[in-house]
N, C-alpha and C. Protein backbone atom coordinates (compact mmCIF):
# COMPACT_ATOMS: atom_id res chain seq x y z
N MET A 1 15.42 90.71 -14.17
CA MET A 1 15.04 91.84 -14.99
C MET A 1 16.20 92.81 -15.15
N ARG A 2 17.05 92.91 -14.13
CA ARG A 2 18.23 93.77 -14.24
C ARG A 2 19.06 93.41 -15.46
N LYS A 3 19.35 92.13 -15.58
CA LYS A 3 20.19 91.66 -16.69
C LYS A 3 19.51 91.92 -18.03
N GLU A 4 18.22 91.59 -18.12
CA GLU A 4 17.47 91.82 -19.36
C GLU A 4 17.45 93.30 -19.74
N ALA A 5 17.41 94.18 -18.75
CA ALA A 5 17.37 95.62 -18.99
C ALA A 5 18.75 96.20 -19.26
N GLY A 6 19.80 95.39 -19.08
CA GLY A 6 21.16 95.85 -19.32
C GLY A 6 21.78 96.61 -18.16
N PHE A 7 21.24 96.43 -16.96
CA PHE A 7 21.78 97.12 -15.79
C PHE A 7 22.94 96.32 -15.21
N GLU A 8 23.84 97.02 -14.54
CA GLU A 8 24.93 96.40 -13.81
C GLU A 8 24.41 95.96 -12.44
N VAL A 9 25.10 95.01 -11.83
CA VAL A 9 24.68 94.45 -10.54
C VAL A 9 24.56 95.52 -9.46
N MET A 10 25.44 96.49 -9.46
CA MET A 10 25.46 97.49 -8.40
C MET A 10 24.67 98.77 -8.74
N ASP A 11 24.01 98.82 -9.91
CA ASP A 11 23.21 99.99 -10.26
C ASP A 11 22.04 100.14 -9.28
N LYS A 12 21.82 101.36 -8.84
CA LYS A 12 20.66 101.66 -8.01
C LYS A 12 19.45 101.75 -8.94
N ILE A 13 18.32 101.20 -8.48
CA ILE A 13 17.14 101.14 -9.32
C ILE A 13 15.90 101.60 -8.57
N ARG A 14 14.84 101.78 -9.34
CA ARG A 14 13.51 102.01 -8.81
C ARG A 14 12.65 100.88 -9.35
N ILE A 15 11.78 100.31 -8.51
CA ILE A 15 10.90 99.21 -8.89
C ILE A 15 9.47 99.74 -9.01
N PHE A 16 8.77 99.25 -10.03
CA PHE A 16 7.38 99.61 -10.24
C PHE A 16 6.54 98.34 -10.29
N ALA A 17 5.30 98.43 -9.84
CA ALA A 17 4.39 97.28 -9.92
C ALA A 17 2.97 97.80 -10.15
N SER A 18 2.25 97.10 -11.03
CA SER A 18 0.89 97.50 -11.32
C SER A 18 0.06 96.30 -11.74
N GLY A 19 -1.23 96.39 -11.49
CA GLY A 19 -2.15 95.39 -12.01
C GLY A 19 -2.54 94.28 -11.06
N ASN A 20 -2.03 94.30 -9.82
CA ASN A 20 -2.39 93.24 -8.89
C ASN A 20 -2.31 93.75 -7.46
N GLU A 21 -3.45 93.83 -6.82
CA GLU A 21 -3.53 94.36 -5.46
C GLU A 21 -2.80 93.46 -4.45
N THR A 22 -2.91 92.14 -4.61
CA THR A 22 -2.25 91.21 -3.69
C THR A 22 -0.74 91.39 -3.72
N ILE A 23 -0.16 91.43 -4.92
CA ILE A 23 1.29 91.62 -5.05
C ILE A 23 1.67 93.00 -4.51
N GLY A 24 0.84 94.00 -4.76
CA GLY A 24 1.10 95.34 -4.24
C GLY A 24 1.18 95.36 -2.73
N HIS A 25 0.27 94.65 -2.06
CA HIS A 25 0.29 94.57 -0.59
C HIS A 25 1.56 93.87 -0.10
N ILE A 26 1.97 92.83 -0.78
CA ILE A 26 3.19 92.10 -0.40
C ILE A 26 4.42 93.00 -0.57
N LEU A 27 4.49 93.70 -1.70
CA LEU A 27 5.62 94.61 -1.93
C LEU A 27 5.65 95.70 -0.87
N ASP A 28 4.49 96.20 -0.50
CA ASP A 28 4.42 97.25 0.52
C ASP A 28 4.82 96.72 1.89
N LYS A 29 4.33 95.54 2.25
CA LYS A 29 4.63 94.94 3.55
C LYS A 29 6.13 94.65 3.73
N PHE A 30 6.79 94.18 2.65
CA PHE A 30 8.19 93.81 2.72
C PHE A 30 9.09 94.81 2.00
N ARG A 31 8.61 96.03 1.86
CA ARG A 31 9.29 97.09 1.10
C ARG A 31 10.77 97.23 1.47
N GLU A 32 11.06 97.41 2.74
CA GLU A 32 12.44 97.65 3.17
C GLU A 32 13.35 96.47 2.84
N GLN A 33 12.89 95.27 3.11
CA GLN A 33 13.68 94.07 2.84
C GLN A 33 13.94 93.92 1.34
N ILE A 34 12.91 94.11 0.53
CA ILE A 34 13.07 93.98 -0.92
C ILE A 34 14.03 95.04 -1.44
N GLN A 35 13.86 96.28 -1.00
CA GLN A 35 14.74 97.35 -1.45
C GLN A 35 16.20 97.05 -1.10
N ASN A 36 16.45 96.55 0.10
CA ASN A 36 17.82 96.22 0.49
C ASN A 36 18.40 95.09 -0.35
N GLU A 37 17.59 94.07 -0.64
CA GLU A 37 18.06 92.91 -1.39
C GLU A 37 18.41 93.23 -2.84
N VAL A 38 17.64 94.12 -3.46
CA VAL A 38 17.83 94.39 -4.89
C VAL A 38 18.43 95.77 -5.17
N LEU A 39 18.89 96.46 -4.13
CA LEU A 39 19.48 97.79 -4.25
C LEU A 39 18.53 98.79 -4.89
N ALA A 40 17.27 98.75 -4.47
CA ALA A 40 16.27 99.68 -4.99
C ALA A 40 16.14 100.87 -4.05
N GLN A 41 16.05 102.05 -4.63
CA GLN A 41 15.83 103.26 -3.84
C GLN A 41 14.38 103.41 -3.45
N SER A 42 13.47 102.86 -4.29
CA SER A 42 12.04 102.97 -3.98
C SER A 42 11.26 101.89 -4.72
N ILE A 43 10.04 101.65 -4.24
CA ILE A 43 9.09 100.78 -4.90
C ILE A 43 7.84 101.61 -5.12
N GLU A 44 7.46 101.78 -6.37
CA GLU A 44 6.30 102.59 -6.74
C GLU A 44 5.18 101.65 -7.17
N LEU A 45 4.02 101.78 -6.53
CA LEU A 45 2.88 100.92 -6.83
C LEU A 45 1.88 101.65 -7.72
N ASN A 46 1.11 100.86 -8.46
CA ASN A 46 0.04 101.35 -9.33
C ASN A 46 0.53 102.20 -10.50
N GLN A 47 1.77 101.97 -10.91
CA GLN A 47 2.33 102.61 -12.09
C GLN A 47 3.51 101.77 -12.56
N VAL A 48 3.84 101.89 -13.84
CA VAL A 48 4.98 101.14 -14.37
C VAL A 48 5.76 102.04 -15.32
N GLN A 49 7.07 102.06 -15.11
CA GLN A 49 7.98 102.80 -15.99
C GLN A 49 9.21 101.95 -16.23
N GLY A 50 10.07 102.41 -17.12
CA GLY A 50 11.31 101.72 -17.38
C GLY A 50 11.10 100.41 -18.13
N TYR A 51 12.00 99.46 -17.90
CA TYR A 51 11.90 98.14 -18.51
C TYR A 51 10.77 97.40 -17.83
N GLN A 52 9.81 96.89 -18.63
CA GLN A 52 8.61 96.28 -18.07
C GLN A 52 8.45 94.83 -18.51
N LYS A 53 7.85 94.04 -17.63
CA LYS A 53 7.62 92.63 -17.94
C LYS A 53 6.43 92.15 -17.11
N GLU A 54 5.58 91.33 -17.75
CA GLU A 54 4.45 90.74 -17.03
C GLU A 54 4.90 89.43 -16.40
N TRP A 55 4.50 89.22 -15.15
CA TRP A 55 4.87 88.02 -14.39
C TRP A 55 3.63 87.33 -13.86
N ASN A 56 3.73 86.03 -13.67
CA ASN A 56 2.71 85.24 -13.00
C ASN A 56 3.39 84.68 -11.76
N ILE A 57 3.06 85.24 -10.60
CA ILE A 57 3.69 84.85 -9.34
C ILE A 57 2.65 84.10 -8.51
N ASN A 58 2.82 82.80 -8.44
CA ASN A 58 1.87 81.95 -7.70
C ASN A 58 0.42 82.21 -8.13
N GLY A 59 0.20 82.31 -9.42
CA GLY A 59 -1.14 82.52 -9.95
C GLY A 59 -1.60 83.97 -9.96
N GLU A 60 -0.78 84.88 -9.49
CA GLU A 60 -1.11 86.31 -9.46
C GLU A 60 -0.36 87.02 -10.58
N LYS A 61 -1.09 87.58 -11.55
CA LYS A 61 -0.45 88.31 -12.64
C LYS A 61 -0.19 89.74 -12.23
N VAL A 62 1.02 90.20 -12.56
CA VAL A 62 1.42 91.56 -12.22
C VAL A 62 2.41 92.05 -13.28
N VAL A 63 2.41 93.35 -13.53
CA VAL A 63 3.40 93.96 -14.41
C VAL A 63 4.42 94.65 -13.51
N LEU A 64 5.68 94.27 -13.67
CA LEU A 64 6.77 94.89 -12.91
C LEU A 64 7.63 95.72 -13.86
N GLY A 65 8.18 96.77 -13.34
CA GLY A 65 9.10 97.60 -14.10
C GLY A 65 10.32 97.93 -13.27
N VAL A 66 11.45 98.10 -13.94
CA VAL A 66 12.67 98.55 -13.27
C VAL A 66 13.26 99.70 -14.06
N GLU A 67 13.78 100.66 -13.34
CA GLU A 67 14.36 101.85 -13.95
C GLU A 67 15.67 102.17 -13.24
N LYS A 68 16.73 102.34 -14.01
CA LYS A 68 18.03 102.67 -13.42
C LYS A 68 18.05 104.15 -13.05
N LEU A 69 18.56 104.42 -11.86
CA LEU A 69 18.69 105.79 -11.39
C LEU A 69 20.05 106.34 -11.77
N ALA A 70 20.08 107.62 -12.10
CA ALA A 70 21.34 108.26 -12.49
C ALA A 70 22.22 108.52 -11.32
């Protein structure tokens, strides 16, 4: 999604997720690891901003968003 949104590899981002409780729990449980891997400052659940895309992850539909931080 970074590439599709036109972000650079080292840009700091914020991640958003909405529409799926299961994916939300996974993102919350592994929050620190995910943030470190993708250089995210935060993961915001139950809302979506920035560049958005719907995903089907192992049968679970979720809308994810990424937003570049200034």
